[in-house]
């Protein structure tokens, strides 16, 4: 007598295949990244109010965003090593606590310099959370589902972004601008609630525990064949994040100053962008499993660059077109991130996965931060919309880097 097992091919087979522990890890990582996004977006959404309150130049305002990304590179690289040495779930707790704590402190800043320091320190946790959470879930996944599963973690960014826009619109309509930006930073304490869930329910995958005696270090990701992988993966991350954070930092200010929208009006335009972003994260995850990692990166890098040009160069008086164009822009600029968690996890062996992924992704944040900073310095000469074209150029760097990187779709983790 023989028995046959029918493979689960349902719509959410990717989620059921994680098992109970994997699903708990998914919830913890999804919440961590969503709230990470919320705390990040507090600054761009409040940038006009902060600029007015402290009397900042555009260059000084741009430096607030750049400093966050630069420090996130340090935080992400360190968190990657911690994930290899102390475990993924423990590192997730530490990074969530760090970005929540420093976000709240930003609300108490009494000067531009104090805000700059607190916001930079917030970047330590902001950079580290993604590496820990993405690896934690990737190691529970079946190879054929890894792209879409980790992409759903990535989609939490749009959820946190949407929540930040909603709360910011509410706060801005009720509070004086001198206080609204402080209140937004204080709401950054929300992620602390997630720590209790992760501590009680989330554990590392058995594969990670089996390699617990092998410790990842920075020198190891710059040796032998791994050196080439590290260099070009870091260049890929630089291009993608240079383009994305140009938009993330300056888009609300572009809509308010370039398009003359109110904060409430800006929220309506961002709703189109955010809706497209969430759908992009999810669809990009499926595409990265079907088309492969590299083709998906090239497709959305090209589309994102073209859409940035179109979005920022639409003539005055065509604001309705700008609003609707936000949907495909949000879709493409987010879909390109869907493959990062799975791709970087597949490029490195288990004992170097945290270190390699943490370093390359956050190296990209650090050097990608040059682009929003450059926009700030060039905005007075070119206008915010004209200066944002540097973000389109960044996506070209990502396409070039892919020439020297392998395809990893359906690869078993080593």
Protein backbone atom coordinates (compact mmCIF):
# COMPACT_ATOMS: atom_id res chain seq x y z
CA UNK A 1 0.00 0.00 0.00
CA UNK A 2 1.45 3.41 -0.94
CA UNK A 3 0.51 6.92 0.00
CA UNK A 4 1.03 10.07 -1.96
CA UNK A 5 1.46 13.57 -0.66
CA UNK A 6 -0.16 16.34 -2.62
CA UNK A 7 2.01 19.43 -2.82
CA UNK A 8 0.41 22.61 -1.55
CA UNK A 9 0.11 24.91 -4.56
CA UNK A 10 -2.50 27.31 -3.21
CA UNK A 11 -2.23 31.08 -3.39
CA UNK A 12 -0.62 31.34 0.06
CA UNK A 13 1.44 28.15 -0.12
CA UNK A 14 4.54 30.30 0.35
CA UNK A 15 3.27 31.37 3.79
CA UNK A 16 2.06 27.93 4.91
CA UNK A 17 5.37 26.37 3.85
CA UNK A 18 7.20 28.40 6.50
CA UNK A 19 5.82 26.28 9.34
CA UNK A 20 4.71 27.67 12.68
CA UNK A 21 8.11 29.06 13.72
CA UNK A 22 8.71 30.53 10.29
CA UNK A 23 5.33 32.27 10.31
CA UNK A 24 6.10 33.81 13.69
CA UNK A 25 9.45 35.00 12.34
CA UNK A 26 7.62 36.47 9.33
CA UNK A 27 5.24 38.44 11.57
CA UNK A 28 8.12 39.75 13.68
CA UNK A 29 10.20 40.78 10.66
CA UNK A 30 7.18 42.31 8.88
CA UNK A 31 6.31 44.39 11.95
CA UNK A 32 9.91 45.42 12.48
CA UNK A 33 10.37 46.62 8.93
CA UNK A 34 6.99 48.34 8.77
CA UNK A 35 7.71 50.32 11.93
CA UNK A 36 11.25 50.96 10.73
CA UNK A 37 9.66 52.58 7.69
CA UNK A 38 7.28 54.59 9.86
CA UNK A 39 10.15 56.04 11.90
CA UNK A 40 12.16 56.80 8.77
CA UNK A 41 9.33 58.67 7.03
CA UNK A 42 8.68 60.98 9.97
CA UNK A 43 11.58 63.19 8.83
CA UNK A 44 10.76 63.59 5.11
CA UNK A 45 7.11 64.26 5.93
CA UNK A 46 8.10 66.87 8.51
CA UNK A 47 10.98 68.38 6.57
CA UNK A 48 9.17 71.56 5.47
CA UNK A 49 8.00 72.27 9.04
CA UNK A 50 11.47 71.55 10.44
CA UNK A 51 13.12 73.75 7.81
CA UNK A 52 10.84 76.63 8.76
CA UNK A 53 11.21 76.09 12.52
CA UNK A 54 15.02 76.12 12.52
CA UNK A 55 15.44 78.41 9.48
CA UNK A 56 17.43 75.85 7.50
CA UNK A 57 18.86 76.05 4.02
CA UNK A 58 18.04 73.27 1.55
CA UNK A 59 21.57 71.94 1.98
CA UNK A 60 21.14 71.71 5.77
CA UNK A 61 17.77 70.01 5.34
CA UNK A 62 19.30 67.52 2.90
CA UNK A 63 22.06 66.76 5.39
CA UNK A 64 19.47 65.49 7.89
CA UNK A 65 18.50 62.75 5.44
CA UNK A 66 22.04 62.03 4.34
CA UNK A 67 23.34 61.66 7.91
CA UNK A 68 20.64 59.07 8.64
CA UNK A 69 21.66 56.97 5.67
CA UNK A 70 25.38 57.29 6.39
CA UNK A 71 24.95 56.09 9.95
CA UNK A 72 22.58 53.35 8.78
CA UNK A 73 25.50 51.89 6.85
CA UNK A 74 27.47 51.53 10.07
CA UNK A 75 24.45 50.18 11.93
CA UNK A 76 23.62 47.70 9.17
CA UNK A 77 27.17 46.43 8.84
CA UNK A 78 27.53 45.95 12.60
CA UNK A 79 24.08 44.34 12.85
CA UNK A 80 25.06 41.90 10.10
CA UNK A 81 28.04 40.70 12.12
CA UNK A 82 25.87 40.54 15.25
CA UNK A 83 23.30 38.44 13.36
CA UNK A 84 26.02 35.91 12.48
CA UNK A 85 27.54 35.92 15.95
CA UNK A 86 24.59 36.27 18.32
CA UNK A 87 21.59 35.24 16.26
CA UNK A 88 19.04 36.85 13.95
CA UNK A 89 16.19 37.30 16.43
CA UNK A 90 18.35 38.87 19.17
CA UNK A 91 19.77 41.33 16.67
CA UNK A 92 16.25 42.18 15.49
CA UNK A 93 15.26 43.15 19.04
CA UNK A 94 18.33 45.35 19.54
CA UNK A 95 17.90 47.22 16.26
CA UNK A 96 14.18 47.89 16.78
CA UNK A 97 14.87 49.26 20.26
CA UNK A 98 17.64 51.51 18.89
CA UNK A 99 15.66 53.18 16.12
CA UNK A 100 12.60 53.68 18.35
CA UNK A 101 14.66 55.30 21.12
CA UNK A 102 16.51 57.80 18.93
CA UNK A 103 13.41 58.69 16.92
CA UNK A 104 11.69 59.78 20.13
CA UNK A 105 14.74 61.83 21.14
CA UNK A 106 14.51 63.74 17.85
CA UNK A 107 11.23 65.18 19.08
CA UNK A 108 13.05 66.82 22.00
CA UNK A 109 15.74 68.49 19.85
CA UNK A 110 16.31 72.14 20.80
CA UNK A 111 18.60 72.99 17.87
CA UNK A 112 19.44 71.88 14.36
CA UNK A 113 22.71 70.39 15.57
CA UNK A 114 20.96 68.32 18.26
CA UNK A 115 18.39 67.06 15.75
CA UNK A 116 21.18 66.17 13.32
CA UNK A 117 22.94 64.06 15.98
CA UNK A 118 19.78 62.26 17.15
CA UNK A 119 18.63 61.58 13.59
CA UNK A 120 22.05 60.22 12.67
CA UNK A 121 22.00 57.88 15.68
CA UNK A 122 18.51 56.74 14.68
CA UNK A 123 20.19 55.48 11.52
CA UNK A 124 22.11 52.85 13.53
CA UNK A 125 18.95 50.89 14.28
CA UNK A 126 17.30 51.80 11.01
CA UNK A 127 20.15 50.22 9.05
CA UNK A 128 20.41 47.09 11.14
CA UNK A 129 16.78 45.98 11.29
CA UNK A 130 16.37 45.05 7.63
CA UNK A 131 19.43 42.79 7.52
CA UNK A 132 18.39 40.84 10.61
CA UNK A 133 14.73 40.47 9.63
CA UNK A 134 15.27 39.57 5.96
CA UNK A 135 17.84 36.88 6.78
CA UNK A 136 15.69 35.49 9.60
CA UNK A 137 12.81 34.84 7.20
CA UNK A 138 14.91 33.82 4.17
CA UNK A 139 16.37 30.93 6.14
CA UNK A 140 12.89 29.51 6.79
CA UNK A 141 11.87 29.68 3.10
CA UNK A 142 11.74 27.02 0.41
CA UNK A 143 13.93 28.12 -2.53
CA UNK A 144 11.04 28.42 -5.00
CA UNK A 145 9.11 30.72 -2.64
CA UNK A 146 11.99 32.76 -1.26
CA UNK A 147 11.65 35.73 -3.59
CA UNK A 148 7.96 36.38 -2.94
CA UNK A 149 8.16 35.58 0.79
CA UNK A 150 10.95 38.05 1.52
CA UNK A 151 9.25 40.52 -0.84
CA UNK A 152 6.20 40.49 1.42
CA UNK A 153 8.54 41.50 4.26
CA UNK A 154 9.75 44.31 2.01
CA UNK A 155 6.13 45.35 1.39
CA UNK A 156 5.89 46.29 5.07
CA UNK A 157 7.84 49.43 4.09
CA UNK A 158 4.80 50.70 2.18
CA UNK A 159 2.53 49.86 5.11
CA UNK A 160 4.70 51.87 7.50
CA UNK A 161 4.95 54.67 4.96
CA UNK A 162 1.18 54.82 4.57
CA UNK A 163 0.68 54.85 8.34
CA UNK A 164 3.18 57.72 8.67
CA UNK A 165 1.38 59.76 5.98
CA UNK A 166 -1.98 59.12 7.66
CA UNK A 167 -0.77 60.11 11.13
CA UNK A 168 1.14 63.11 9.76
CA UNK A 169 -1.96 64.37 7.94
CA UNK A 170 -3.99 64.03 11.15
CA UNK A 171 -1.36 65.69 13.36
CA UNK A 172 -0.75 68.52 10.86
CA UNK A 173 -4.47 69.31 10.75
CA UNK A 174 -4.76 69.48 14.56
CA UNK A 175 -1.44 70.84 15.82
CA UNK A 176 0.58 73.99 15.21
CA UNK A 177 3.52 73.40 12.79
CA UNK A 178 5.93 74.28 15.59
CA UNK A 179 4.68 71.22 17.49
CA UNK A 180 3.45 68.87 14.77
CA UNK A 181 6.92 67.66 13.77
CA UNK A 182 7.81 66.99 17.42
CA UNK A 183 4.63 64.97 17.94
CA UNK A 184 5.43 62.90 14.87
CA UNK A 185 8.84 61.99 16.24
CA UNK A 186 7.32 61.08 19.60
CA UNK A 187 4.98 58.61 17.92
CA UNK A 188 8.18 56.82 16.90
CA UNK A 189 7.94 55.01 20.24
CA UNK A 190 5.40 52.62 18.69
CA UNK A 191 7.99 50.00 17.61
CA UNK A 192 8.88 49.29 21.24
CA UNK A 193 5.65 47.26 21.48
CA UNK A 194 6.98 44.83 18.87
CA UNK A 195 9.98 43.94 21.02
CA UNK A 196 7.79 41.99 23.44
CA UNK A 197 6.35 39.87 20.61
CA UNK A 198 9.77 39.05 19.14
CA UNK A 199 11.23 38.12 22.54
CA UNK A 200 8.42 35.67 23.28
CA UNK A 201 7.69 34.17 19.88
CA UNK A 202 10.56 34.46 17.39
CA UNK A 203 13.51 32.09 17.09
CA UNK A 204 16.26 31.54 14.52
CA UNK A 205 15.88 28.88 11.82
CA UNK A 206 17.59 25.52 12.53
CA UNK A 207 20.02 26.16 9.67
CA UNK A 208 21.33 29.32 11.35
CA UNK A 209 21.68 27.54 14.70
CA UNK A 210 23.67 24.72 13.05
CA UNK A 211 26.30 27.25 11.95
CA UNK A 212 26.34 29.14 15.24
CA UNK A 213 29.95 28.07 15.92
CA UNK A 214 31.13 29.70 12.67
CA UNK A 215 31.53 33.42 13.17
CA UNK A 216 31.23 35.91 10.35
CA UNK A 217 33.79 38.72 10.16
CA UNK A 218 34.34 41.61 7.76
CA UNK A 219 37.69 40.31 6.41
CA UNK A 220 36.01 37.06 5.29
CA UNK A 221 33.64 38.80 2.88
CA UNK A 222 36.65 40.40 1.15
CA UNK A 223 38.53 37.16 0.50
CA UNK A 224 38.67 34.82 -2.51
CA UNK A 225 35.55 34.53 -4.68
CA UNK A 226 33.53 36.40 -2.06
CA UNK A 227 35.45 39.63 -2.75
CA UNK A 228 33.92 40.03 -6.23
CA UNK A 229 30.44 39.30 -4.89
CA UNK A 230 30.81 41.85 -2.10
CA UNK A 231 32.10 44.64 -4.35
CA UNK A 232 29.42 44.37 -7.02
CA UNK A 233 26.56 43.63 -4.62
CA UNK A 234 27.52 46.82 -2.77
CA UNK A 235 27.54 48.73 -6.09
CA UNK A 236 24.10 47.31 -6.97
CA UNK A 237 22.74 48.45 -3.61
CA UNK A 238 24.31 51.90 -4.07
CA UNK A 239 22.55 52.49 -7.38
CA UNK A 240 19.13 51.26 -6.29
CA UNK A 241 19.16 53.10 -2.98
CA UNK A 242 20.65 56.27 -4.43
CA UNK A 243 17.62 56.50 -6.72
CA UNK A 244 15.11 55.52 -4.05
CA UNK A 245 16.31 57.79 -1.25
CA UNK A 246 16.48 60.76 -3.60
CA UNK A 247 12.72 60.34 -3.94
CA UNK A 248 12.16 59.39 -0.31
CA UNK A 249 13.95 62.45 1.02
CA UNK A 250 12.75 65.09 -1.40
CA UNK A 251 9.38 64.06 -2.80
CA UNK A 252 7.21 65.60 -0.03
CA UNK A 253 9.19 68.86 -0.28
CA UNK A 254 8.91 68.76 -4.11
CA UNK A 255 5.13 68.44 -3.88
CA UNK A 256 4.79 71.20 -1.27
CA UNK A 257 7.21 73.74 -2.74
CA UNK A 258 7.42 72.78 -6.41
CA UNK A 259 3.76 71.89 -6.87
CA UNK A 260 2.42 74.29 -4.18
CA UNK A 261 0.41 71.62 -2.35
CA UNK A 262 -0.62 71.78 1.29
CA UNK A 263 0.41 69.02 3.70
CA UNK A 264 -3.08 67.52 3.40
CA UNK A 265 -2.91 67.80 -0.40
CA UNK A 266 0.51 66.16 -0.38
CA UNK A 267 -0.96 63.25 1.58
CA UNK A 268 -3.48 62.65 -1.19
CA UNK A 269 -0.77 62.57 -3.86
CA UNK A 270 1.38 60.26 -1.75
CA UNK A 271 -1.57 57.88 -1.40
CA UNK A 272 -1.23 57.05 -5.12
CA UNK A 273 2.52 56.55 -4.72
CA UNK A 274 2.18 54.37 -1.62
CA UNK A 275 -0.57 52.20 -3.10
CA UNK A 276 1.63 51.59 -6.12
CA UNK A 277 4.57 50.89 -3.81
CA UNK A 278 2.80 48.15 -1.83
CA UNK A 279 1.54 46.43 -4.99
CA UNK A 280 5.02 46.81 -6.48
CA UNK A 281 6.68 45.08 -3.54
CA UNK A 282 4.31 42.13 -3.79
CA UNK A 283 4.32 41.79 -7.60
CA UNK A 284 8.08 42.28 -7.71
CA UNK A 285 8.48 39.32 -5.37
CA UNK A 286 6.57 37.01 -7.71
CA UNK A 287 8.46 38.33 -10.73
CA UNK A 288 11.82 37.76 -9.10
CA UNK A 289 10.85 34.08 -8.65
CA UNK A 290 9.51 33.75 -12.22
CA UNK A 291 11.90 35.93 -14.27
CA UNK A 292 14.97 35.57 -12.09
CA UNK A 293 16.69 38.06 -9.81
CA UNK A 294 18.82 39.89 -12.40
CA UNK A 295 16.17 40.43 -15.09
CA UNK A 296 13.81 41.84 -12.48
CA UNK A 297 16.43 44.31 -11.24
CA UNK A 298 17.17 45.52 -14.79
CA UNK A 299 13.47 45.86 -15.66
CA UNK A 300 12.58 48.02 -12.69
CA UNK A 301 15.81 50.05 -12.62
CA UNK A 302 15.14 51.17 -16.18
CA UNK A 303 11.46 51.89 -15.55
CA UNK A 304 12.19 53.80 -12.31
CA UNK A 305 14.75 56.05 -13.99
CA UNK A 306 12.34 56.94 -16.80
CA UNK A 307 9.49 57.60 -14.39
CA UNK A 308 11.58 59.93 -12.18
CA UNK A 309 12.29 62.05 -15.26
CA UNK A 310 8.62 62.09 -16.24
CA UNK A 311 7.33 62.82 -12.71
CA UNK A 312 9.64 65.74 -11.98
CA UNK A 313 9.54 67.40 -15.41
CA UNK A 314 5.77 67.59 -15.98
CA UNK A 315 4.92 71.27 -16.66
CA UNK A 316 3.14 73.40 -14.06
CA UNK A 317 -0.63 73.21 -14.27
CA UNK A 318 -0.65 69.45 -14.85
CA UNK A 319 -0.83 68.41 -11.20
CA UNK A 320 -3.52 65.80 -11.91
CA UNK A 321 -1.10 63.97 -14.21
CA UNK A 322 1.55 64.13 -11.49
CA UNK A 323 -0.89 62.56 -9.04
CA UNK A 324 -1.78 59.62 -11.29
CA UNK A 325 1.82 59.08 -12.36
CA UNK A 326 2.61 58.49 -8.70
CA UNK A 327 1.11 54.99 -8.94
CA UNK A 328 3.52 53.53 -11.55
CA UNK A 329 6.42 55.44 -9.98
CA UNK A 330 5.68 53.94 -6.58
CA UNK A 331 5.22 50.51 -8.17
CA UNK A 332 8.58 50.45 -9.97
CA UNK A 333 10.75 52.15 -7.35
CA UNK A 334 9.51 49.60 -4.78
CA UNK A 335 9.34 46.46 -6.94
CA UNK A 336 13.08 46.66 -7.53
CA UNK A 337 13.65 46.11 -3.80
CA UNK A 338 11.61 42.90 -3.75
CA UNK A 339 14.55 40.80 -4.86
CA UNK A 340 17.15 42.22 -2.48
CA UNK A 341 16.41 40.10 0.58
CA UNK A 342 16.42 36.81 -1.32
CA UNK A 343 19.25 37.74 -3.71
CA UNK A 344 21.74 38.86 -1.07
CA UNK A 345 20.86 35.85 1.11
CA UNK A 346 21.62 33.53 -1.82
CA UNK A 347 24.96 35.19 -2.62
CA UNK A 348 26.52 34.29 0.75
CA UNK A 349 26.94 31.07 2.78
CA UNK A 350 25.10 30.83 6.12
CA UNK A 351 28.03 31.77 8.35
CA UNK A 352 28.68 34.95 6.29
CA UNK A 353 25.10 35.77 5.35
CA UNK A 354 24.47 38.37 8.02
CA UNK A 355 27.84 40.02 7.57
CA UNK A 356 27.69 40.04 3.77
CA UNK A 357 24.09 41.12 3.48
CA UNK A 358 24.37 43.71 6.24
CA UNK A 359 27.50 45.25 4.73
CA UNK A 360 26.52 45.36 1.05
CA UNK A 361 22.96 46.60 1.51
CA UNK A 362 23.99 49.31 3.95
CA UNK A 363 27.11 50.27 2.04
CA UNK A 364 24.57 51.06 -0.66
CA UNK A 365 22.63 53.22 1.78
CA UNK A 366 25.75 55.14 2.77
CA UNK A 367 26.97 55.90 -0.72
CA UNK A 368 23.44 56.16 -2.06
CA UNK A 369 23.01 58.93 0.52
CA UNK A 370 25.26 61.09 -1.64
CA UNK A 371 22.40 61.49 -4.10
CA UNK A 372 19.79 63.12 -1.79
CA UNK A 373 22.59 65.24 -0.35
CA UNK A 374 23.55 66.31 -3.87
CA UNK A 375 19.93 67.26 -4.57
CA UNK A 376 19.98 69.52 -1.52
CA UNK A 377 23.11 71.33 -2.72
CA UNK A 378 21.88 71.66 -6.31
CA UNK A 379 18.24 72.52 -5.59
CA UNK A 380 18.82 76.28 -5.42
CA UNK A 381 20.40 76.23 -8.87
CA UNK A 382 18.24 73.64 -10.64
CA UNK A 383 15.10 73.58 -8.52
CA UNK A 384 14.14 70.50 -6.50
CA UNK A 385 12.56 68.82 -9.52
CA UNK A 386 15.62 69.38 -11.72
CA UNK A 387 18.06 68.27 -9.03
CA UNK A 388 16.09 65.06 -8.43
CA UNK A 389 17.22 63.84 -11.87
CA UNK A 390 20.42 62.70 -10.14
CA UNK A 391 18.26 59.93 -8.69
CA UNK A 392 17.48 58.66 -12.20
CA UNK A 393 21.21 58.46 -12.96
CA UNK A 394 21.75 56.31 -9.87
CA UNK A 395 19.68 53.46 -11.33
CA UNK A 396 22.18 53.19 -14.19
CA UNK A 397 24.88 52.25 -11.67
CA UNK A 398 22.72 49.31 -10.51
CA UNK A 399 22.33 47.95 -14.04
CA UNK A 400 26.10 48.08 -14.64
CA UNK A 401 26.83 46.21 -11.38
CA UNK A 402 24.61 43.29 -12.40
CA UNK A 403 26.95 42.41 -15.27
CA UNK A 404 29.40 40.85 -12.80
CA UNK A 405 26.91 39.17 -10.47
CA UNK A 406 25.43 35.65 -10.88
CA UNK A 407 21.80 34.59 -11.20
CA UNK A 408 20.67 32.73 -8.06
CA UNK A 409 16.97 31.93 -8.58
CA UNK A 410 15.94 28.56 -7.03
CA UNK A 411 19.33 28.24 -5.29
CA UNK A 412 19.48 26.22 -2.07
CA UNK A 413 21.07 28.14 0.78
CA UNK A 414 24.53 26.84 1.66
